[in-house]
């Protein structure tokens, strides 16, 4: 925290911040055309009949 405080003092308030502090997004990613996650999710594997 001391490093963040010193950098914010040197370069201006809120130059460096914590990600957990949050960023309000006014947009949301459109997820209609996401590709299947064959390599990372067992439920997305194609099923042979």
PDB file of N, CA and C in Angstrom:
ATOM      1  N   UNK A   1       0.818  -1.194   0.000  1.00  0.00           N
ATOM      2  CA  UNK A   1       0.000   0.000   0.000  1.00  0.00           C
ATOM      3  C   UNK A   1       0.861   1.257   0.000  1.00  0.00           C
ATOM      4  N   UNK A   2       1.997   1.195   0.650  1.00  0.00           N
ATOM      5  CA  UNK A   2       2.872   2.375   0.660  1.00  0.00           C
ATOM      6  C   UNK A   2       3.331   2.718  -0.743  1.00  0.00           C
ATOM      7  N   UNK A   3       3.611   1.694  -1.545  1.00  0.00           N
ATOM      8  CA  UNK A   3       4.033   1.938  -2.924  1.00  0.00           C
ATOM      9  C   UNK A   3       2.904   2.611  -3.709  1.00  0.00           C
ATOM     10  N   UNK A   4       1.691   2.102  -3.552  1.00  0.00           N
ATOM     11  CA  UNK A   4       0.546   2.702  -4.254  1.00  0.00           C
ATOM     12  C   UNK A   4       0.345   4.138  -3.816  1.00  0.00           C
ATOM     13  N   UNK A   5       0.438   4.384  -2.520  1.00  0.00           N
ATOM     14  CA  UNK A   5       0.253   5.740  -2.006  1.00  0.00           C
ATOM     15  C   UNK A   5       1.311   6.685  -2.551  1.00  0.00           C
ATOM     16  N   UNK A   6       2.563   6.223  -2.593  1.00  0.00           N
ATOM     17  CA  UNK A   6       3.629   7.093  -3.088  1.00  0.00           C
ATOM     18  C   UNK A   6       3.449   7.395  -4.575  1.00  0.00           C
ATOM     19  N   UNK A   7       3.032   6.403  -5.365  1.00  0.00           N
ATOM     20  CA  UNK A   7       2.821   6.633  -6.799  1.00  0.00           C
ATOM     21  C   UNK A   7       1.622   7.539  -7.040  1.00  0.00           C
ATOM     22  N   UNK A   8       0.569   7.361  -6.254  1.00  0.00           N
ATOM     23  CA  UNK A   8      -0.602   8.229  -6.400  1.00  0.00           C
ATOM     24  C   UNK A   8      -0.271   9.661  -5.993  1.00  0.00           C
ATOM     25  N   UNK A   9       0.584   9.817  -4.999  1.00  0.00           N
ATOM     26  CA  UNK A   9       1.007  11.155  -4.594  1.00  0.00           C
ATOM     27  C   UNK A   9       1.854  11.794  -5.684  1.00  0.00           C
ATOM     28  N   UNK A  10       2.739  11.012  -6.282  1.00  0.00           N
ATOM     29  CA  UNK A  10       3.656  11.525  -7.290  1.00  0.00           C
ATOM     30  C   UNK A  10       2.948  11.839  -8.613  1.00  0.00           C
ATOM     31  N   UNK A  11       2.038  10.958  -9.063  1.00  0.00           N
ATOM     32  CA  UNK A  11       1.438  11.084 -10.391  1.00  0.00           C
ATOM     33  C   UNK A  11      -0.021  11.528 -10.393  1.00  0.00           C
ATOM     34  N   UNK A  12      -0.612  11.676  -9.232  1.00  0.00           N
ATOM     35  CA  UNK A  12      -1.995  12.126  -9.174  1.00  0.00           C
ATOM     36  C   UNK A  12      -2.890  11.079  -8.539  1.00  0.00           C
ATOM     37  N   UNK A  13      -3.943  11.562  -7.921  1.00  0.00           N
ATOM     38  CA  UNK A  13      -4.878  10.682  -7.211  1.00  0.00           C
ATOM     39  C   UNK A  13      -5.477   9.649  -8.157  1.00  0.00           C
ATOM     40  N   UNK A  14      -5.604   8.448  -7.667  1.00  0.00           N
ATOM     41  CA  UNK A  14      -6.219   7.322  -8.381  1.00  0.00           C
ATOM     42  C   UNK A  14      -5.469   6.934  -9.657  1.00  0.00           C
ATOM     43  N   UNK A  15      -4.154   7.201  -9.694  1.00  0.00           N
ATOM     44  CA  UNK A  15      -3.345   6.717 -10.801  1.00  0.00           C
ATOM     45  C   UNK A  15      -3.265   5.205 -10.751  1.00  0.00           C
ATOM     46  N   UNK A  16      -3.067   4.692  -9.556  1.00  0.00           N
ATOM     47  CA  UNK A  16      -3.027   3.248  -9.324  1.00  0.00           C
ATOM     48  C   UNK A  16      -4.128   2.924  -8.329  1.00  0.00           C
ATOM     49  N   UNK A  17      -4.878   1.874  -8.603  1.00  0.00           N
ATOM     50  CA  UNK A  17      -5.942   1.467  -7.694  1.00  0.00           C
ATOM     51  C   UNK A  17      -6.070  -0.031  -7.661  1.00  0.00           C
ATOM     52  N   UNK A  18      -6.924  -0.517  -6.799  1.00  0.00           N
ATOM     53  CA  UNK A  18      -7.167  -1.944  -6.668  1.00  0.00           C
ATOM     54  C   UNK A  18      -8.282  -2.370  -7.612  1.00  0.00           C
ATOM     55  N   UNK A  19      -8.105  -3.492  -8.243  1.00  0.00           N
ATOM     56  CA  UNK A  19      -9.146  -4.006  -9.131  1.00  0.00           C
ATOM     57  C   UNK A  19     -10.414  -4.319  -8.356  1.00  0.00           C
ATOM     58  N   UNK A  20     -10.262  -4.799  -7.151  1.00  0.00           N
ATOM     59  CA  UNK A  20     -11.424  -5.157  -6.335  1.00  0.00           C
ATOM     60  C   UNK A  20     -12.258  -3.940  -5.970  1.00  0.00           C
ATOM     61  N   UNK A  21     -11.706  -2.746  -6.149  1.00  0.00           N
ATOM     62  CA  UNK A  21     -12.458  -1.543  -5.837  1.00  0.00           C
ATOM     63  C   UNK A  21     -13.626  -1.362  -6.798  1.00  0.00           C
ATOM     64  N   UNK A  22     -13.533  -1.987  -7.959  1.00  0.00           N
ATOM     65  CA  UNK A  22     -14.652  -1.985  -8.892  1.00  0.00           C
ATOM     66  C   UNK A  22     -14.572  -0.909  -9.952  1.00  0.00           C
ATOM     67  N   UNK A  23     -15.090  -1.252 -11.092  1.00  0.00           N
ATOM     68  CA  UNK A  23     -15.216  -0.331 -12.205  1.00  0.00           C
ATOM     69  C   UNK A  23     -16.647  -0.479 -12.696  1.00  0.00           C
ATOM     70  N   UNK A  24     -17.364   0.603 -12.756  1.00  0.00           N
ATOM     71  CA  UNK A  24     -18.752   0.538 -13.226  1.00  0.00           C
ATOM     72  C   UNK A  24     -18.752   0.535 -14.739  1.00  0.00           C
ATOM     73  N   UNK A  25     -19.201  -0.559 -15.316  1.00  0.00           N
ATOM     74  CA  UNK A  25     -19.291  -0.656 -16.773  1.00  0.00           C
ATOM     75  C   UNK A  25     -20.692  -0.288 -17.210  1.00  0.00           C
ATOM     76  N   UNK A  26     -20.771   0.514 -18.222  1.00  0.00           N
ATOM     77  CA  UNK A  26     -22.070   0.853 -18.779  1.00  0.00           C
ATOM     78  C   UNK A  26     -22.425  -0.078 -19.921  1.00  0.00           C
ATOM     79  N   UNK A  27     -21.542  -1.015 -20.263  1.00  0.00           N
ATOM     80  CA  UNK A  27     -21.779  -1.926 -21.365  1.00  0.00           C
ATOM     81  C   UNK A  27     -21.645  -3.352 -20.852  1.00  0.00           C
ATOM     82  N   UNK A  28     -22.171  -4.273 -21.590  1.00  0.00           N
ATOM     83  CA  UNK A  28     -22.038  -5.673 -21.259  1.00  0.00           C
ATOM     84  C   UNK A  28     -21.662  -6.414 -22.538  1.00  0.00           C
ATOM     85  N   UNK A  29     -20.737  -7.353 -22.413  1.00  0.00           N
ATOM     86  CA  UNK A  29     -20.292  -8.095 -23.582  1.00  0.00           C
ATOM     87  C   UNK A  29     -21.455  -8.899 -24.167  1.00  0.00           C
ATOM     88  N   UNK A  30     -21.606  -8.862 -25.476  1.00  0.00           N
ATOM     89  CA  UNK A  30     -22.639  -9.638 -26.136  1.00  0.00           C
ATOM     90  C   UNK A  30     -22.151 -11.077 -26.251  1.00  0.00           C
ATOM     91  N   UNK A  31     -22.849 -11.998 -25.629  1.00  0.00           N
ATOM     92  CA  UNK A  31     -22.396 -13.375 -25.556  1.00  0.00           C
ATOM     93  C   UNK A  31     -23.221 -14.319 -26.428  1.00  0.00           C
ATOM     94  N   UNK A  32     -23.984 -13.775 -27.366  1.00  0.00           N
ATOM     95  CA  UNK A  32     -24.817 -14.613 -28.221  1.00  0.00           C
ATOM     96  C   UNK A  32     -23.995 -15.499 -29.156  1.00  0.00           C
ATOM     97  N   UNK A  33     -22.832 -15.042 -29.554  1.00  0.00           N
ATOM     98  CA  UNK A  33     -22.052 -15.754 -30.547  1.00  0.00           C
ATOM     99  C   UNK A  33     -20.765 -16.364 -29.996  1.00  0.00           C
ATOM    100  N   UNK A  34     -20.750 -16.687 -28.705  1.00  0.00           N
ATOM    101  CA  UNK A  34     -19.570 -17.318 -28.118  1.00  0.00           C
ATOM    102  C   UNK A  34     -19.366 -18.702 -28.717  1.00  0.00           C
ATOM    103  N   UNK A  35     -18.129 -19.062 -28.942  1.00  0.00           N
ATOM    104  CA  UNK A  35     -17.853 -20.396 -29.439  1.00  0.00           C
ATOM    105  C   UNK A  35     -17.915 -21.393 -28.287  1.00  0.00           C
ATOM    106  N   UNK A  36     -18.229 -22.664 -28.571  1.00  0.00           N
ATOM    107  CA  UNK A  36     -18.267 -23.676 -27.525  1.00  0.00           C
ATOM    108  C   UNK A  36     -16.887 -23.848 -26.905  1.00  0.00           C
ATOM    109  N   UNK A  37     -16.875 -24.238 -25.646  1.00  0.00           N
ATOM    110  CA  UNK A  37     -15.615 -24.390 -24.914  1.00  0.00           C
ATOM    111  C   UNK A  37     -15.252 -25.873 -24.832  1.00  0.00           C
ATOM    112  N   UNK A  38     -14.997 -26.491 -25.987  1.00  0.00           N
ATOM    113  CA  UNK A  38     -14.729 -27.921 -26.039  1.00  0.00           C
ATOM    114  C   UNK A  38     -13.531 -28.326 -25.178  1.00  0.00           C
ATOM    115  N   UNK A  39     -12.535 -27.471 -25.098  1.00  0.00           N
ATOM    116  CA  UNK A  39     -11.303 -27.852 -24.404  1.00  0.00           C
ATOM    117  C   UNK A  39     -11.297 -27.496 -22.924  1.00  0.00           C
ATOM    118  N   UNK A  40     -12.290 -26.757 -22.453  1.00  0.00           N
ATOM    119  CA  UNK A  40     -12.272 -26.342 -21.056  1.00  0.00           C
ATOM    120  C   UNK A  40     -13.510 -26.719 -20.263  1.00  0.00           C
ATOM    121  N   UNK A  41     -14.544 -27.215 -20.920  1.00  0.00           N
ATOM    122  CA  UNK A  41     -15.781 -27.510 -20.208  1.00  0.00           C
ATOM    123  C   UNK A  41     -16.331 -28.851 -20.698  1.00  0.00           C
ATOM    124  N   UNK A  42     -16.405 -29.826 -19.803  1.00  0.00           N
ATOM    125  CA  UNK A  42     -16.903 -31.166 -20.167  1.00  0.00           C
ATOM    126  C   UNK A  42     -18.312 -31.112 -20.727  1.00  0.00           C
ATOM    127  N   UNK A  43     -19.135 -30.193 -20.255  1.00  0.00           N
ATOM    128  CA  UNK A  43     -20.535 -30.118 -20.703  1.00  0.00           C
ATOM    129  C   UNK A  43     -20.663 -29.617 -22.137  1.00  0.00           C
ATOM    130  N   UNK A  44     -19.631 -28.995 -22.682  1.00  0.00           N
ATOM    131  CA  UNK A  44     -19.684 -28.493 -24.041  1.00  0.00           C
ATOM    132  C   UNK A  44     -19.126 -29.464 -25.071  1.00  0.00           C
ATOM    133  N   UNK A  45     -18.666 -30.623 -24.641  1.00  0.00           N
ATOM    134  CA  UNK A  45     -18.181 -31.633 -25.588  1.00  0.00           C
ATOM    135  C   UNK A  45     -19.344 -32.166 -26.420  1.00  0.00           C
ATOM    136  N   UNK A  46     -19.138 -32.373 -27.721  1.00  0.00           N
ATOM    137  CA  UNK A  46     -20.211 -32.948 -28.542  1.00  0.00           C
ATOM    138  C   UNK A  46     -20.504 -34.380 -28.091  1.00  0.00           C
ATOM    139  N   UNK A  47     -21.750 -34.780 -28.176  1.00  0.00           N
ATOM    140  CA  UNK A  47     -22.163 -36.122 -27.768  1.00  0.00           C
ATOM    141  C   UNK A  47     -22.414 -36.985 -28.996  1.00  0.00           C
ATOM    142  N   UNK A  48     -21.784 -38.142 -29.042  1.00  0.00           N
ATOM    143  CA  UNK A  48     -21.993 -39.093 -30.140  1.00  0.00           C
ATOM    144  C   UNK A  48     -23.221 -39.932 -29.806  1.00  0.00           C
ATOM    145  N   UNK A  49     -24.051 -40.173 -30.808  1.00  0.00           N
ATOM    146  CA  UNK A  49     -25.248 -40.980 -30.571  1.00  0.00           C
ATOM    147  C   UNK A  49     -25.161 -42.285 -31.316  1.00  0.00           C
TER     148      UNK A  49
END
